[in-house]
């Protein structure tokens, strides 16, 4: 099992089996191992940073232990609580396989399919992506100082629309978005099942080489990261002239 590099502590998390669906929030940590013991699910092989991460803290109905001399101690306790479980450990990806319907990439799950929706967010983030119409971007760029564009990268997603990355946002009318890892979500929204965000993004974008641009109806498009280029008057004119041919 993986141990902390400094003090060789191995951590264990125990969850009642009726709550095993909650483990989906940490399934993307492929180093973890899982075992089933009567009415409990055990998880181990945590790295030190993982056991203290928000994903673990948000797991409901959990008990966290650390191992010392073959005994399990409750986290922050100096008294042993129980023995190490005599169970068969399995990689978490094998123990909790994803099942994805090939007919709809917006559905996935551990034992059943879940509809991923965007809902109004209770927290605010700084917007750093925007979608603009090409004709509006052209009107602005024709008079914009070069320095105003230096922090912006861009990519065409259609002959009529471009997506701009960077801040501060340009003073152009358009849809604004904020980032959630490799997802780009309309400002003011978030995933309703935010604990499953990592699993969703890995399933859609396993190589992490794309930005996933979401709309409020939960549809999305992929934008390959290597296609982005610095926005400048010359780069825009070159692309715009090609569109006119």
C-alpha atoms as a PDB file:
ATOM      1  CA  UNK A   1       0.000   0.000   0.000  1.00  0.00           C
ATOM      2  CA  UNK A   2       1.088   3.589  -0.592  1.00  0.00           C
ATOM      3  CA  UNK A   3       2.531   5.260   2.490  1.00  0.00           C
ATOM      4  CA  UNK A   4       3.465   8.800   3.361  1.00  0.00           C
ATOM      5  CA  UNK A   5       7.053   9.392   2.386  1.00  0.00           C
ATOM      6  CA  UNK A   6       8.034  10.922   5.719  1.00  0.00           C
ATOM      7  CA  UNK A   7       6.368   8.917   8.467  1.00  0.00           C
ATOM      8  CA  UNK A   8       5.116   5.771   6.680  1.00  0.00           C
ATOM      9  CA  UNK A   9       1.528   6.240   7.811  1.00  0.00           C
ATOM     10  CA  UNK A  10      -1.066   4.231   5.890  1.00  0.00           C
ATOM     11  CA  UNK A  11      -4.627   5.525   5.965  1.00  0.00           C
ATOM     12  CA  UNK A  12      -7.933   3.661   5.760  1.00  0.00           C
ATOM     13  CA  UNK A  13     -11.459   4.937   5.237  1.00  0.00           C
ATOM     14  CA  UNK A  14     -14.509   2.862   6.180  1.00  0.00           C
ATOM     15  CA  UNK A  15     -17.968   3.604   4.780  1.00  0.00           C
ATOM     16  CA  UNK A  16     -21.218   1.733   5.265  1.00  0.00           C
ATOM     17  CA  UNK A  17     -21.990  -0.172   2.075  1.00  0.00           C
ATOM     18  CA  UNK A  18     -25.358   1.570   1.677  1.00  0.00           C
ATOM     19  CA  UNK A  19     -23.403   4.767   1.000  1.00  0.00           C
ATOM     20  CA  UNK A  20     -20.916   3.300  -1.472  1.00  0.00           C
ATOM     21  CA  UNK A  21     -22.216   5.519  -4.287  1.00  0.00           C
ATOM     22  CA  UNK A  22     -20.572   8.443  -2.492  1.00  0.00           C
ATOM     23  CA  UNK A  23     -17.167   6.921  -3.283  1.00  0.00           C
ATOM     24  CA  UNK A  24     -17.665   8.119  -6.859  1.00  0.00           C
ATOM     25  CA  UNK A  25     -16.147  11.460  -5.841  1.00  0.00           C
ATOM     26  CA  UNK A  26     -12.719   9.824  -5.321  1.00  0.00           C
ATOM     27  CA  UNK A  27     -12.841   7.135  -8.004  1.00  0.00           C
ATOM     28  CA  UNK A  28     -10.496   9.162 -10.235  1.00  0.00           C
ATOM     29  CA  UNK A  29      -7.654   8.546  -7.731  1.00  0.00           C
ATOM     30  CA  UNK A  30      -6.520   5.374  -9.427  1.00  0.00           C
ATOM     31  CA  UNK A  31      -3.925   4.584  -6.754  1.00  0.00           C
ATOM     32  CA  UNK A  32      -6.690   3.722  -4.269  1.00  0.00           C
ATOM     33  CA  UNK A  33      -7.721   0.180  -3.397  1.00  0.00           C
ATOM     34  CA  UNK A  34     -11.135  -0.964  -2.222  1.00  0.00           C
ATOM     35  CA  UNK A  35     -12.405  -3.999  -0.308  1.00  0.00           C
ATOM     36  CA  UNK A  36     -15.848  -5.144   0.781  1.00  0.00           C
ATOM     37  CA  UNK A  37     -16.350  -6.553   4.287  1.00  0.00           C
ATOM     38  CA  UNK A  38     -19.883  -7.592   5.237  1.00  0.00           C
ATOM     39  CA  UNK A  39     -21.766  -4.283   5.421  1.00  0.00           C
ATOM     40  CA  UNK A  40     -18.713  -2.035   5.012  1.00  0.00           C
ATOM     41  CA  UNK A  41     -16.558  -0.694   2.228  1.00  0.00           C
ATOM     42  CA  UNK A  42     -12.879  -0.135   3.014  1.00  0.00           C
ATOM     43  CA  UNK A  43     -10.607   2.182   1.047  1.00  0.00           C
ATOM     44  CA  UNK A  44      -6.843   2.461   1.404  1.00  0.00           C
ATOM     45  CA  UNK A  45      -3.616   3.409  -0.402  1.00  0.00           C
ATOM     46  CA  UNK A  46      -4.232   7.114   0.167  1.00  0.00           C
ATOM     47  CA  UNK A  47      -1.441   9.581  -0.311  1.00  0.00           C
ATOM     48  CA  UNK A  48      -1.029  12.098   2.495  1.00  0.00           C
ATOM     49  CA  UNK A  49      -2.431  14.940   0.385  1.00  0.00           C
ATOM     50  CA  UNK A  50      -5.448  12.858  -0.592  1.00  0.00           C
ATOM     51  CA  UNK A  51      -6.548  11.951   2.922  1.00  0.00           C
ATOM     52  CA  UNK A  52      -6.666  15.678   3.722  1.00  0.00           C
ATOM     53  CA  UNK A  53      -8.345  16.679   0.457  1.00  0.00           C
ATOM     54  CA  UNK A  54     -11.825  18.158   0.168  1.00  0.00           C
ATOM     55  CA  UNK A  55     -13.059  15.057  -1.667  1.00  0.00           C
ATOM     56  CA  UNK A  56     -12.427  12.893   1.418  1.00  0.00           C
ATOM     57  CA  UNK A  57     -13.685  15.507   3.861  1.00  0.00           C
ATOM     58  CA  UNK A  58     -16.966  15.687   1.936  1.00  0.00           C
ATOM     59  CA  UNK A  59     -17.616  11.936   2.125  1.00  0.00           C
ATOM     60  CA  UNK A  60     -20.584  11.400   4.452  1.00  0.00           C
ATOM     61  CA  UNK A  61     -20.772   8.689   7.132  1.00  0.00           C
ATOM     62  CA  UNK A  62     -17.069   7.871   6.929  1.00  0.00           C
ATOM     63  CA  UNK A  63     -14.550   6.752   9.539  1.00  0.00           C
ATOM     64  CA  UNK A  64     -10.869   7.485   8.966  1.00  0.00           C
ATOM     65  CA  UNK A  65      -8.117   5.360  10.490  1.00  0.00           C
ATOM     66  CA  UNK A  66      -4.362   5.137  10.389  1.00  0.00           C
ATOM     67  CA  UNK A  67      -2.343   1.947  10.706  1.00  0.00           C
ATOM     68  CA  UNK A  68       0.237   1.367  13.427  1.00  0.00           C
ATOM     69  CA  UNK A  69       1.767  -2.026  14.125  1.00  0.00           C
ATOM     70  CA  UNK A  70      -1.124  -3.881  12.539  1.00  0.00           C
ATOM     71  CA  UNK A  71      -3.786  -1.981  14.481  1.00  0.00           C
ATOM     72  CA  UNK A  72      -6.147   0.682  13.214  1.00  0.00           C
ATOM     73  CA  UNK A  73      -6.368   3.941  15.149  1.00  0.00           C
ATOM     74  CA  UNK A  74      -9.020   6.561  14.648  1.00  0.00           C
ATOM     75  CA  UNK A  75      -7.521   9.613  13.009  1.00  0.00           C
ATOM     76  CA  UNK A  76      -6.001  11.896  15.675  1.00  0.00           C
ATOM     77  CA  UNK A  77      -6.396   9.200  18.340  1.00  0.00           C
ATOM     78  CA  UNK A  78      -3.580   7.487  20.269  1.00  0.00           C
ATOM     79  CA  UNK A  79      -5.648   4.438  21.213  1.00  0.00           C
ATOM     80  CA  UNK A  80      -6.155   1.438  18.901  1.00  0.00           C
ATOM     81  CA  UNK A  81      -9.732   0.938  17.735  1.00  0.00           C
ATOM     82  CA  UNK A  82      -9.680  -2.325  15.762  1.00  0.00           C
ATOM     83  CA  UNK A  83      -7.520  -4.752  13.836  1.00  0.00           C
ATOM     84  CA  UNK A  84      -6.648  -4.462  10.178  1.00  0.00           C
ATOM     85  CA  UNK A  85      -9.499  -5.969   8.151  1.00  0.00           C
ATOM     86  CA  UNK A  86      -8.798  -9.366   6.601  1.00  0.00           C
ATOM     87  CA  UNK A  87     -10.148  -8.507   3.155  1.00  0.00           C
ATOM     88  CA  UNK A  88      -9.219  -8.802  -0.517  1.00  0.00           C
ATOM     89  CA  UNK A  89      -8.083  -5.459  -1.963  1.00  0.00           C
ATOM     90  CA  UNK A  90      -8.982  -4.453  -5.519  1.00  0.00           C
ATOM     91  CA  UNK A  91      -8.037  -1.336  -7.534  1.00  0.00           C
ATOM     92  CA  UNK A  92     -10.848   1.198  -7.213  1.00  0.00           C
ATOM     93  CA  UNK A  93     -11.417   1.328 -10.981  1.00  0.00           C
ATOM     94  CA  UNK A  94     -12.047  -2.420 -11.025  1.00  0.00           C
ATOM     95  CA  UNK A  95     -14.125  -2.462  -7.852  1.00  0.00           C
ATOM     96  CA  UNK A  96     -16.345   0.396  -9.014  1.00  0.00           C
ATOM     97  CA  UNK A  97     -16.505   0.257 -12.827  1.00  0.00           C
ATOM     98  CA  UNK A  98     -18.195   3.020 -14.741  1.00  0.00           C
ATOM     99  CA  UNK A  99     -21.073   2.106 -17.012  1.00  0.00           C
ATOM    100  CA  UNK A 100     -21.655   4.609 -19.791  1.00  0.00           C
ATOM    101  CA  UNK A 101     -24.542   4.505 -22.260  1.00  0.00           C
ATOM    102  CA  UNK A 102     -23.077   4.729 -25.757  1.00  0.00           C
ATOM    103  CA  UNK A 103     -26.159   6.528 -26.994  1.00  0.00           C
ATOM    104  CA  UNK A 104     -25.793   9.527 -24.688  1.00  0.00           C
ATOM    105  CA  UNK A 105     -22.482  10.837 -23.390  1.00  0.00           C
ATOM    106  CA  UNK A 106     -24.243  12.968 -20.783  1.00  0.00           C
ATOM    107  CA  UNK A 107     -25.136   9.872 -18.742  1.00  0.00           C
ATOM    108  CA  UNK A 108     -22.823   7.746 -16.626  1.00  0.00           C
ATOM    109  CA  UNK A 109     -22.690   6.056 -13.268  1.00  0.00           C
ATOM    110  CA  UNK A 110     -21.435   3.278 -11.031  1.00  0.00           C
ATOM    111  CA  UNK A 111     -24.532   1.132 -10.863  1.00  0.00           C
ATOM    112  CA  UNK A 112     -26.967   3.307 -12.770  1.00  0.00           C
ATOM    113  CA  UNK A 113     -26.838   6.186 -15.199  1.00  0.00           C
ATOM    114  CA  UNK A 114     -26.982   9.744 -13.876  1.00  0.00           C
ATOM    115  CA  UNK A 115     -28.164  12.758 -15.838  1.00  0.00           C
ATOM    116  CA  UNK A 116     -25.630  15.568 -15.498  1.00  0.00           C
ATOM    117  CA  UNK A 117     -27.229  18.999 -15.436  1.00  0.00           C
ATOM    118  CA  UNK A 118     -26.036  22.546 -15.007  1.00  0.00           C
ATOM    119  CA  UNK A 119     -27.751  24.504 -12.274  1.00  0.00           C
ATOM    120  CA  UNK A 120     -27.400  28.004 -10.898  1.00  0.00           C
ATOM    121  CA  UNK A 121     -24.293  28.224  -8.740  1.00  0.00           C
ATOM    122  CA  UNK A 122     -24.294  29.374  -5.124  1.00  0.00           C
ATOM    123  CA  UNK A 123     -20.718  30.636  -5.403  1.00  0.00           C
ATOM    124  CA  UNK A 124     -19.111  33.172  -7.702  1.00  0.00           C
ATOM    125  CA  UNK A 125     -15.905  32.803  -9.702  1.00  0.00           C
ATOM    126  CA  UNK A 126     -14.003  35.171 -11.917  1.00  0.00           C
ATOM    127  CA  UNK A 127     -14.972  34.810 -15.571  1.00  0.00           C
ATOM    128  CA  UNK A 128     -11.992  34.273 -17.864  1.00  0.00           C
ATOM    129  CA  UNK A 129     -13.497  32.835 -21.039  1.00  0.00           C
ATOM    130  CA  UNK A 130     -15.973  34.355 -23.469  1.00  0.00           C
ATOM    131  CA  UNK A 131     -17.706  33.416 -26.707  1.00  0.00           C
ATOM    132  CA  UNK A 132     -18.122  36.248 -29.194  1.00  0.00           C
ATOM    133  CA  UNK A 133     -19.465  36.779 -32.671  1.00  0.00           C
ATOM    134  CA  UNK A 134     -16.719  37.265 -35.235  1.00  0.00           C
ATOM    135  CA  UNK A 135     -18.155  40.521 -36.555  1.00  0.00           C
ATOM    136  CA  UNK A 136     -18.171  42.027 -33.049  1.00  0.00           C
ATOM    137  CA  UNK A 137     -14.612  40.890 -32.418  1.00  0.00           C
ATOM    138  CA  UNK A 138     -13.538  42.378 -35.755  1.00  0.00           C
ATOM    139  CA  UNK A 139     -15.045  45.759 -34.874  1.00  0.00           C
ATOM    140  CA  UNK A 140     -13.176  45.846 -31.583  1.00  0.00           C
ATOM    141  CA  UNK A 141      -9.823  44.571 -32.837  1.00  0.00           C
ATOM    142  CA  UNK A 142      -9.667  47.129 -35.645  1.00  0.00           C
ATOM    143  CA  UNK A 143      -9.200  49.884 -33.069  1.00  0.00           C
ATOM    144  CA  UNK A 144      -7.850  47.971 -30.036  1.00  0.00           C
ATOM    145  CA  UNK A 145      -4.317  48.650 -28.786  1.00  0.00           C
ATOM    146  CA  UNK A 146      -2.084  45.580 -29.123  1.00  0.00           C
ATOM    147  CA  UNK A 147      -1.334  45.620 -25.394  1.00  0.00           C
ATOM    148  CA  UNK A 148      -5.045  45.026 -24.672  1.00  0.00           C
ATOM    149  CA  UNK A 149      -4.841  41.669 -26.468  1.00  0.00           C
ATOM    150  CA  UNK A 150      -1.585  40.349 -25.052  1.00  0.00           C
ATOM    151  CA  UNK A 151      -3.133  38.095 -22.376  1.00  0.00           C
ATOM    152  CA  UNK A 152      -5.797  36.627 -24.656  1.00  0.00           C
ATOM    153  CA  UNK A 153      -5.719  33.362 -26.609  1.00  0.00           C
ATOM    154  CA  UNK A 154      -8.429  32.454 -29.056  1.00  0.00           C
ATOM    155  CA  UNK A 155      -9.866  29.762 -31.308  1.00  0.00           C
ATOM    156  CA  UNK A 156     -12.638  29.624 -33.877  1.00  0.00           C
ATOM    157  CA  UNK A 157     -15.439  27.190 -33.104  1.00  0.00           C
ATOM    158  CA  UNK A 158     -17.467  28.088 -36.207  1.00  0.00           C
ATOM    159  CA  UNK A 159     -17.214  30.575 -39.087  1.00  0.00           C
ATOM    160  CA  UNK A 160     -19.329  32.971 -37.016  1.00  0.00           C
ATOM    161  CA  UNK A 161     -18.042  32.463 -33.456  1.00  0.00           C
ATOM    162  CA  UNK A 162     -14.779  32.516 -31.544  1.00  0.00           C
ATOM    163  CA  UNK A 163     -13.875  31.612 -27.970  1.00  0.00           C
ATOM    164  CA  UNK A 164     -11.447  33.879 -26.129  1.00  0.00           C
ATOM    165  CA  UNK A 165      -9.383  32.714 -23.152  1.00  0.00           C
ATOM    166  CA  UNK A 166      -7.724  35.074 -20.715  1.00  0.00           C
ATOM    167  CA  UNK A 167      -8.335  38.068 -18.529  1.00  0.00           C
ATOM    168  CA  UNK A 168      -9.242  40.790 -18.284  1.00  0.00           C
ATOM    169  CA  UNK A 169     -12.088  39.988 -20.644  1.00  0.00           C
ATOM    170  CA  UNK A 170     -12.372  42.167 -23.717  1.00  0.00           C
ATOM    171  CA  UNK A 171     -15.129  44.824 -23.709  1.00  0.00           C
ATOM    172  CA  UNK A 172     -17.137  42.966 -26.340  1.00  0.00           C
ATOM    173  CA  UNK A 173     -20.673  41.633 -26.040  1.00  0.00           C
ATOM    174  CA  UNK A 174     -20.705  37.868 -25.690  1.00  0.00           C
ATOM    175  CA  UNK A 175     -21.330  34.900 -23.419  1.00  0.00           C
ATOM    176  CA  UNK A 176     -18.967  34.699 -20.456  1.00  0.00           C
ATOM    177  CA  UNK A 177     -17.746  31.540 -18.744  1.00  0.00           C
ATOM    178  CA  UNK A 178     -15.663  30.438 -15.822  1.00  0.00           C
ATOM    179  CA  UNK A 179     -13.384  27.433 -15.542  1.00  0.00           C
ATOM    180  CA  UNK A 180     -13.775  24.271 -13.515  1.00  0.00           C
ATOM    181  CA  UNK A 181     -10.570  22.325 -14.195  1.00  0.00           C
ATOM    182  CA  UNK A 182     -10.850  21.380 -17.888  1.00  0.00           C
ATOM    183  CA  UNK A 183     -14.498  22.378 -18.075  1.00  0.00           C
ATOM    184  CA  UNK A 184     -15.717  25.789 -19.214  1.00  0.00           C
ATOM    185  CA  UNK A 185     -19.117  26.531 -17.695  1.00  0.00           C
ATOM    186  CA  UNK A 186     -21.467  29.472 -18.333  1.00  0.00           C
ATOM    187  CA  UNK A 187     -20.913  32.087 -15.630  1.00  0.00           C
ATOM    188  CA  UNK A 188     -23.435  31.665 -12.830  1.00  0.00           C
ATOM    189  CA  UNK A 189     -23.746  27.900 -13.260  1.00  0.00           C
ATOM    190  CA  UNK A 190     -22.160  24.731 -11.929  1.00  0.00           C
ATOM    191  CA  UNK A 191     -22.719  20.977 -12.170  1.00  0.00           C
ATOM    192  CA  UNK A 192     -25.590  19.841  -9.986  1.00  0.00           C
ATOM    193  CA  UNK A 193     -23.618  16.742  -8.935  1.00  0.00           C
ATOM    194  CA  UNK A 194     -20.403  18.640  -8.343  1.00  0.00           C
ATOM    195  CA  UNK A 195     -18.853  15.746  -6.388  1.00  0.00           C
ATOM    196  CA  UNK A 196     -18.834  13.739  -9.643  1.00  0.00           C
ATOM    197  CA  UNK A 197     -17.201  16.472 -11.719  1.00  0.00           C
ATOM    198  CA  UNK A 198     -13.787  14.805 -11.846  1.00  0.00           C
ATOM    199  CA  UNK A 199     -15.228  11.473 -13.001  1.00  0.00           C
ATOM    200  CA  UNK A 200     -17.330  13.189 -15.635  1.00  0.00           C
ATOM    201  CA  UNK A 201     -14.412  15.167 -17.057  1.00  0.00           C
ATOM    202  CA  UNK A 202     -12.088  12.161 -17.112  1.00  0.00           C
ATOM    203  CA  UNK A 203     -14.725  10.108 -18.919  1.00  0.00           C
ATOM    204  CA  UNK A 204     -15.238  12.803 -21.558  1.00  0.00           C
ATOM    205  CA  UNK A 205     -11.623  13.976 -21.793  1.00  0.00           C
ATOM    206  CA  UNK A 206      -9.288  11.224 -20.510  1.00  0.00           C
ATOM    207  CA  UNK A 207      -6.144  12.746 -22.054  1.00  0.00           C
ATOM    208  CA  UNK A 208      -6.980  16.211 -20.668  1.00  0.00           C
ATOM    209  CA  UNK A 209      -5.995  17.687 -24.013  1.00  0.00           C
ATOM    210  CA  UNK A 210      -9.277  19.508 -24.601  1.00  0.00           C
ATOM    211  CA  UNK A 211     -11.339  22.224 -23.032  1.00  0.00           C
ATOM    212  CA  UNK A 212     -14.950  21.074 -22.598  1.00  0.00           C
ATOM    213  CA  UNK A 213     -17.247  24.012 -23.341  1.00  0.00           C
ATOM    214  CA  UNK A 214     -20.677  23.515 -21.777  1.00  0.00           C
ATOM    215  CA  UNK A 215     -24.001  25.162 -22.537  1.00  0.00           C
ATOM    216  CA  UNK A 216     -26.825  25.617 -20.047  1.00  0.00           C
ATOM    217  CA  UNK A 217     -28.784  22.760 -21.660  1.00  0.00           C
ATOM    218  CA  UNK A 218     -25.924  20.406 -20.600  1.00  0.00           C
ATOM    219  CA  UNK A 219     -24.673  19.932 -24.153  1.00  0.00           C
ATOM    220  CA  UNK A 220     -20.979  20.474 -24.760  1.00  0.00           C
ATOM    221  CA  UNK A 221     -18.287  20.745 -27.399  1.00  0.00           C
ATOM    222  CA  UNK A 222     -14.602  19.859 -27.209  1.00  0.00           C
ATOM    223  CA  UNK A 223     -11.930  22.445 -27.983  1.00  0.00           C
ATOM    224  CA  UNK A 224      -8.486  20.982 -28.541  1.00  0.00           C
ATOM    225  CA  UNK A 225      -6.033  22.993 -26.466  1.00  0.00           C
ATOM    226  CA  UNK A 226      -3.307  22.995 -29.105  1.00  0.00           C
ATOM    227  CA  UNK A 227      -5.574  24.951 -31.464  1.00  0.00           C
ATOM    228  CA  UNK A 228      -5.511  28.036 -29.258  1.00  0.00           C
ATOM    229  CA  UNK A 229      -3.208  30.832 -30.396  1.00  0.00           C
ATOM    230  CA  UNK A 230      -2.357  34.284 -29.046  1.00  0.00           C
ATOM    231  CA  UNK A 231      -4.857  36.902 -30.141  1.00  0.00           C
ATOM    232  CA  UNK A 232      -3.299  39.731 -32.102  1.00  0.00           C
ATOM    233  CA  UNK A 233      -4.386  42.066 -34.864  1.00  0.00           C
ATOM    234  CA  UNK A 234      -2.295  40.120 -37.367  1.00  0.00           C
ATOM    235  CA  UNK A 235      -3.505  36.657 -36.274  1.00  0.00           C
ATOM    236  CA  UNK A 236      -7.116  37.785 -36.397  1.00  0.00           C
ATOM    237  CA  UNK A 237      -6.753  39.359 -39.836  1.00  0.00           C
ATOM    238  CA  UNK A 238      -5.101  36.217 -41.189  1.00  0.00           C
ATOM    239  CA  UNK A 239      -7.905  33.982 -39.913  1.00  0.00           C
ATOM    240  CA  UNK A 240     -10.646  36.430 -40.911  1.00  0.00           C
ATOM    241  CA  UNK A 241      -9.306  36.750 -44.456  1.00  0.00           C
ATOM    242  CA  UNK A 242      -9.274  32.978 -44.797  1.00  0.00           C
ATOM    243  CA  UNK A 243     -12.925  32.869 -43.764  1.00  0.00           C
ATOM    244  CA  UNK A 244     -13.822  35.289 -46.561  1.00  0.00           C
ATOM    245  CA  UNK A 245     -12.367  33.073 -49.310  1.00  0.00           C
END
